[in-house]
Each structure stands twice: as structure tokens, then as C-alpha cells.
């Protein structure tokens, strides 16, 4: 299976980079994984709602330009469906059985995702009603993808 993650913003903190790299390494036996980072749009320190919407639209166009039309797209959205780790594993298994060999997860920037990106997504996934930084969500997502593969293979996760 091929998994792509399209994410707005770069990881700046070394502790997050180390953890992300660890999960990327752990995932290599289970899937081919690729992360595409898209630079955040520049915006002033006190943006108006119109400024924020412009950023969302510009970032959305960049995201859409990186998506593969044959991929099953999962957008991370606070208003999406909240599922358990087991349900994520089941969803990935169901998609594999249906012949879907490429999943793309999309992580928006600080202001979220454009409606065009949300409309293109086949599924909208919420990690929580709480808000997390897009850097932290990337780590959480990788951990959950790894956990999903371990669950699917009936492999022990905690050592």
C-alpha cells in the first residue's frame, strides 16, 4: 500500500522531527509512505477574516495540485468523523480489499482546509474536538497509521 501525507508547514522542532522519523522507519515494513510539505502562506500578525480565507484558498490550491486523482483522500478536519484506532485499521483494510492501493491524508494549516479540498476528500477524519498544531497532528497521524497496521496484522504494539 502507498500512503501519502500532504501537509501545510514544515516541522521546526527537533523532538517532533525525531519522533516523526521514528514512525516513518517503523512503517517501512507495512507501506510505502511519502510526506509532501507545502509552505504556509505568509500573513500578517493580526489577519482579518478575509486574509485568513485568502490563505485557506491559496493553500488549498497548492494541496489540490499535489493530490493524485486515483488516491483515496482523507482530509483531517475538526468537523470530520471521530473514529477509534481499531476503526481506522478496519477502514484501511476495507479500502485495501476494495482494491484501493493509495491513501492520501491531508493536514491543513493554522486556518484549516478550503472547501474545495474538503469536497475532494472521500472521508473527513477528526482526531478530536480540540485543536492541535499541524506539526503535532503529523506525528499523531503517523502513530495512528502505524497502530492501524499493527492492529490489522494482529501484532503486539506495546513492547
C-alpha atoms as a PDB file:
ATOM      1  CA  UNK A   1       0.000   0.000   0.000  1.00  0.00           C
ATOM      2  CA  UNK A   2       1.137   3.544  -0.739  1.00  0.00           C
ATOM      3  CA  UNK A   3       0.358   6.305   1.744  1.00  0.00           C
ATOM      4  CA  UNK A   4       0.885   9.989   1.058  1.00  0.00           C
ATOM      5  CA  UNK A   5       0.636  12.776   3.577  1.00  0.00           C
ATOM      6  CA  UNK A   6       0.226  16.294   2.245  1.00  0.00           C
ATOM      7  CA  UNK A   7       0.812  18.824   4.973  1.00  0.00           C
ATOM      8  CA  UNK A   8       0.941  22.581   5.229  1.00  0.00           C
ATOM      9  CA  UNK A   9       4.042  23.765   7.079  1.00  0.00           C
ATOM     10  CA  UNK A  10       7.436  22.438   7.960  1.00  0.00           C
ATOM     11  CA  UNK A  11       8.390  20.699  11.187  1.00  0.00           C
ATOM     12  CA  UNK A  12      10.658  23.065  13.103  1.00  0.00           C
ATOM     13  CA  UNK A  13      11.063  21.298  16.431  1.00  0.00           C
ATOM     14  CA  UNK A  14      13.798  18.655  16.551  1.00  0.00           C
ATOM     15  CA  UNK A  15      11.918  16.482  19.062  1.00  0.00           C
ATOM     16  CA  UNK A  16       8.963  16.227  16.659  1.00  0.00           C
ATOM     17  CA  UNK A  17      11.254  15.528  13.704  1.00  0.00           C
ATOM     18  CA  UNK A  18      12.901  12.689  15.629  1.00  0.00           C
ATOM     19  CA  UNK A  19       9.551  11.146  16.571  1.00  0.00           C
ATOM     20  CA  UNK A  20       8.186  11.520  13.024  1.00  0.00           C
ATOM     21  CA  UNK A  21      11.298   9.875  11.587  1.00  0.00           C
ATOM     22  CA  UNK A  22      10.931   7.010  14.059  1.00  0.00           C
ATOM     23  CA  UNK A  23       7.371   6.294  12.886  1.00  0.00           C
ATOM     24  CA  UNK A  24       8.393   6.620   9.240  1.00  0.00           C
ATOM     25  CA  UNK A  25      11.048   3.973   9.906  1.00  0.00           C
ATOM     26  CA  UNK A  26       8.546   1.737  11.729  1.00  0.00           C
ATOM     27  CA  UNK A  27       6.109   1.984   8.833  1.00  0.00           C
ATOM     28  CA  UNK A  28       8.555   0.754   6.159  1.00  0.00           C
ATOM     29  CA  UNK A  29       7.599  -2.951   6.514  1.00  0.00           C
ATOM     30  CA  UNK A  30       3.908  -2.107   6.064  1.00  0.00           C
ATOM     31  CA  UNK A  31       3.677   0.526   3.350  1.00  0.00           C
ATOM     32  CA  UNK A  32       5.464   2.966   1.114  1.00  0.00           C
ATOM     33  CA  UNK A  33       4.983   6.365   2.721  1.00  0.00           C
ATOM     34  CA  UNK A  34       5.688   9.837   1.401  1.00  0.00           C
ATOM     35  CA  UNK A  35       5.283  13.243   3.035  1.00  0.00           C
ATOM     36  CA  UNK A  36       4.847  16.370   0.939  1.00  0.00           C
ATOM     37  CA  UNK A  37       5.331  19.615   2.829  1.00  0.00           C
ATOM     38  CA  UNK A  38       3.756  22.773   1.451  1.00  0.00           C
ATOM     39  CA  UNK A  39       4.984  26.093   2.771  1.00  0.00           C
ATOM     40  CA  UNK A  40       2.489  28.120   4.766  1.00  0.00           C
ATOM     41  CA  UNK A  41       1.246  31.276   3.099  1.00  0.00           C
ATOM     42  CA  UNK A  42       2.672  34.418   4.635  1.00  0.00           C
ATOM     43  CA  UNK A  43       0.211  36.508   6.594  1.00  0.00           C
ATOM     44  CA  UNK A  44       0.460  39.460   8.971  1.00  0.00           C
ATOM     45  CA  UNK A  45       0.285  39.046  12.745  1.00  0.00           C
ATOM     46  CA  UNK A  46      -3.273  40.358  13.028  1.00  0.00           C
ATOM     47  CA  UNK A  47      -5.092  38.920   9.998  1.00  0.00           C
ATOM     48  CA  UNK A  48      -8.661  39.751   9.102  1.00  0.00           C
ATOM     49  CA  UNK A  49     -11.172  37.017   8.269  1.00  0.00           C
ATOM     50  CA  UNK A  50     -10.719  37.876   4.588  1.00  0.00           C
ATOM     51  CA  UNK A  51      -6.932  37.463   4.941  1.00  0.00           C
ATOM     52  CA  UNK A  52      -7.445  34.062   6.576  1.00  0.00           C
ATOM     53  CA  UNK A  53      -9.840  32.962   3.822  1.00  0.00           C
ATOM     54  CA  UNK A  54      -7.328  34.014   1.166  1.00  0.00           C
ATOM     55  CA  UNK A  55      -4.658  31.916   2.875  1.00  0.00           C
ATOM     56  CA  UNK A  56      -7.000  28.922   3.045  1.00  0.00           C
ATOM     57  CA  UNK A  57      -7.816  29.263  -0.660  1.00  0.00           C
ATOM     58  CA  UNK A  58      -4.166  29.608  -1.743  1.00  0.00           C
ATOM     59  CA  UNK A  59      -3.038  26.708   0.413  1.00  0.00           C
ATOM     60  CA  UNK A  60      -5.990  24.671  -0.863  1.00  0.00           C
ATOM     61  CA  UNK A  61      -4.919  25.165  -4.476  1.00  0.00           C
ATOM     62  CA  UNK A  62      -1.390  24.040  -3.601  1.00  0.00           C
ATOM     63  CA  UNK A  63      -2.746  20.973  -1.813  1.00  0.00           C
ATOM     64  CA  UNK A  64      -5.012  20.037  -4.720  1.00  0.00           C
ATOM     65  CA  UNK A  65      -2.108  20.341  -7.163  1.00  0.00           C
ATOM     66  CA  UNK A  66      -0.283  17.620  -5.185  1.00  0.00           C
ATOM     67  CA  UNK A  67      -3.155  15.112  -4.986  1.00  0.00           C
ATOM     68  CA  UNK A  68      -3.449  12.020  -7.149  1.00  0.00           C
ATOM     69  CA  UNK A  69      -6.924  11.509  -8.624  1.00  0.00           C
ATOM     70  CA  UNK A  70      -6.581   7.735  -8.160  1.00  0.00           C
ATOM     71  CA  UNK A  71      -5.876   8.070  -4.444  1.00  0.00           C
ATOM     72  CA  UNK A  72      -8.464   7.783  -1.689  1.00  0.00           C
ATOM     73  CA  UNK A  73      -8.261  11.172   0.020  1.00  0.00           C
ATOM     74  CA  UNK A  74      -8.737  11.577   3.765  1.00  0.00           C
ATOM     75  CA  UNK A  75      -8.831  15.174   4.982  1.00  0.00           C
ATOM     76  CA  UNK A  76      -8.101  15.855   8.624  1.00  0.00           C
ATOM     77  CA  UNK A  77     -10.869  18.178   9.718  1.00  0.00           C
ATOM     78  CA  UNK A  78     -12.090  19.072  13.191  1.00  0.00           C
ATOM     79  CA  UNK A  79     -15.664  18.630  11.883  1.00  0.00           C
ATOM     80  CA  UNK A  80     -14.881  15.193  10.461  1.00  0.00           C
ATOM     81  CA  UNK A  81     -15.756  11.775  11.834  1.00  0.00           C
ATOM     82  CA  UNK A  82     -14.165  10.753  15.115  1.00  0.00           C
ATOM     83  CA  UNK A  83     -13.112   7.082  14.942  1.00  0.00           C
ATOM     84  CA  UNK A  84     -11.113   4.710  17.116  1.00  0.00           C
ATOM     85  CA  UNK A  85      -7.748   3.208  16.213  1.00  0.00           C
ATOM     86  CA  UNK A  86      -9.486  -0.105  15.536  1.00  0.00           C
ATOM     87  CA  UNK A  87     -11.971   1.609  13.215  1.00  0.00           C
ATOM     88  CA  UNK A  88      -9.108   3.271  11.327  1.00  0.00           C
ATOM     89  CA  UNK A  89      -7.454  -0.122  10.899  1.00  0.00           C
ATOM     90  CA  UNK A  90     -10.762  -1.558   9.653  1.00  0.00           C
ATOM     91  CA  UNK A  91     -11.218   1.365   7.233  1.00  0.00           C
ATOM     92  CA  UNK A  92      -7.744   0.862   5.765  1.00  0.00           C
ATOM     93  CA  UNK A  93      -8.359  -2.901   5.475  1.00  0.00           C
ATOM     94  CA  UNK A  94     -11.712  -2.320   3.768  1.00  0.00           C
ATOM     95  CA  UNK A  95     -10.141   0.080   1.284  1.00  0.00           C
ATOM     96  CA  UNK A  96      -7.356  -2.427   0.536  1.00  0.00           C
ATOM     97  CA  UNK A  97      -9.911  -5.191  -0.046  1.00  0.00           C
ATOM     98  CA  UNK A  98     -11.795  -2.881  -2.412  1.00  0.00           C
ATOM     99  CA  UNK A  99      -8.609  -2.505  -4.464  1.00  0.00           C
ATOM    100  CA  UNK A 100      -7.590   0.916  -3.186  1.00  0.00           C
ATOM    101  CA  UNK A 101      -3.797   0.872  -3.075  1.00  0.00           C
ATOM    102  CA  UNK A 102      -3.107   4.566  -2.424  1.00  0.00           C
ATOM    103  CA  UNK A 103      -4.327   6.657   0.511  1.00  0.00           C
ATOM    104  CA  UNK A 104      -3.647  10.378   0.844  1.00  0.00           C
ATOM    105  CA  UNK A 105      -4.045  12.137   4.178  1.00  0.00           C
ATOM    106  CA  UNK A 106      -4.264  15.933   4.097  1.00  0.00           C
ATOM    107  CA  UNK A 107      -3.278  18.173   7.007  1.00  0.00           C
ATOM    108  CA  UNK A 108      -4.214  21.830   6.673  1.00  0.00           C
ATOM    109  CA  UNK A 109      -2.519  24.882   8.051  1.00  0.00           C
ATOM    110  CA  UNK A 110      -3.430  27.015  11.069  1.00  0.00           C
ATOM    111  CA  UNK A 111      -6.693  28.219   9.485  1.00  0.00           C
ATOM    112  CA  UNK A 112      -7.863  24.844   8.185  1.00  0.00           C
ATOM    113  CA  UNK A 113      -8.714  23.468   4.765  1.00  0.00           C
ATOM    114  CA  UNK A 114     -10.528  25.054   1.857  1.00  0.00           C
ATOM    115  CA  UNK A 115     -13.973  23.828   0.892  1.00  0.00           C
ATOM    116  CA  UNK A 116     -12.522  22.560  -2.408  1.00  0.00           C
ATOM    117  CA  UNK A 117     -10.101  20.304  -0.533  1.00  0.00           C
ATOM    118  CA  UNK A 118     -12.864  19.065   1.775  1.00  0.00           C
ATOM    119  CA  UNK A 119     -15.111  18.363  -1.228  1.00  0.00           C
ATOM    120  CA  UNK A 120     -12.374  16.375  -2.969  1.00  0.00           C
ATOM    121  CA  UNK A 121     -11.850  14.243   0.124  1.00  0.00           C
ATOM    122  CA  UNK A 122     -13.594  10.877   0.219  1.00  0.00           C
ATOM    123  CA  UNK A 123     -13.516  10.920   4.011  1.00  0.00           C
ATOM    124  CA  UNK A 124     -13.087  13.613   6.644  1.00  0.00           C
ATOM    125  CA  UNK A 125     -11.339  12.439   9.804  1.00  0.00           C
ATOM    126  CA  UNK A 126     -11.262  14.245  13.128  1.00  0.00           C
ATOM    127  CA  UNK A 127      -8.701  13.420  15.791  1.00  0.00           C
ATOM    128  CA  UNK A 128     -10.522  15.440  18.425  1.00  0.00           C
ATOM    129  CA  UNK A 129     -12.737  18.438  19.034  1.00  0.00           C
ATOM    130  CA  UNK A 130      -9.591  20.011  20.459  1.00  0.00           C
ATOM    131  CA  UNK A 131      -7.205  21.944  18.254  1.00  0.00           C
ATOM    132  CA  UNK A 132      -3.617  20.752  17.774  1.00  0.00           C
ATOM    133  CA  UNK A 133      -0.759  22.253  15.794  1.00  0.00           C
ATOM    134  CA  UNK A 134      -0.325  20.827  12.315  1.00  0.00           C
ATOM    135  CA  UNK A 135       3.163  19.697  13.365  1.00  0.00           C
ATOM    136  CA  UNK A 136       1.779  17.637  16.262  1.00  0.00           C
ATOM    137  CA  UNK A 137      -1.025  16.224  14.140  1.00  0.00           C
ATOM    138  CA  UNK A 138       1.520  14.894  11.656  1.00  0.00           C
ATOM    139  CA  UNK A 139       3.127  12.888  14.461  1.00  0.00           C
ATOM    140  CA  UNK A 140      -0.264  11.727  15.785  1.00  0.00           C
ATOM    141  CA  UNK A 141      -1.333  10.684  12.284  1.00  0.00           C
ATOM    142  CA  UNK A 142       1.826   8.651  11.665  1.00  0.00           C
ATOM    143  CA  UNK A 143       1.445   6.942  15.020  1.00  0.00           C
ATOM    144  CA  UNK A 144      -2.175   6.056  14.251  1.00  0.00           C
ATOM    145  CA  UNK A 145      -1.328   4.737  10.775  1.00  0.00           C
ATOM    146  CA  UNK A 146       1.393   2.581  12.341  1.00  0.00           C
ATOM    147  CA  UNK A 147      -1.016   1.407  15.055  1.00  0.00           C
ATOM    148  CA  UNK A 148      -3.630   0.582  12.375  1.00  0.00           C
ATOM    149  CA  UNK A 149      -1.187  -1.674  10.530  1.00  0.00           C
ATOM    150  CA  UNK A 150      -0.196  -3.396  13.784  1.00  0.00           C
ATOM    151  CA  UNK A 151      -3.872  -3.955  14.637  1.00  0.00           C
ATOM    152  CA  UNK A 152      -4.596  -5.345  11.154  1.00  0.00           C
ATOM    153  CA  UNK A 153      -1.713  -7.796  11.392  1.00  0.00           C
ATOM    154  CA  UNK A 154      -2.652  -8.804  14.971  1.00  0.00           C
ATOM    155  CA  UNK A 155       0.832  -7.767  16.041  1.00  0.00           C
ATOM    156  CA  UNK A 156       1.704  -6.604  19.526  1.00  0.00           C
ATOM    157  CA  UNK A 157       2.088  -2.828  19.675  1.00  0.00           C
ATOM    158  CA  UNK A 158       3.429  -2.137  23.160  1.00  0.00           C
ATOM    159  CA  UNK A 159       6.738  -3.859  23.985  1.00  0.00           C
END
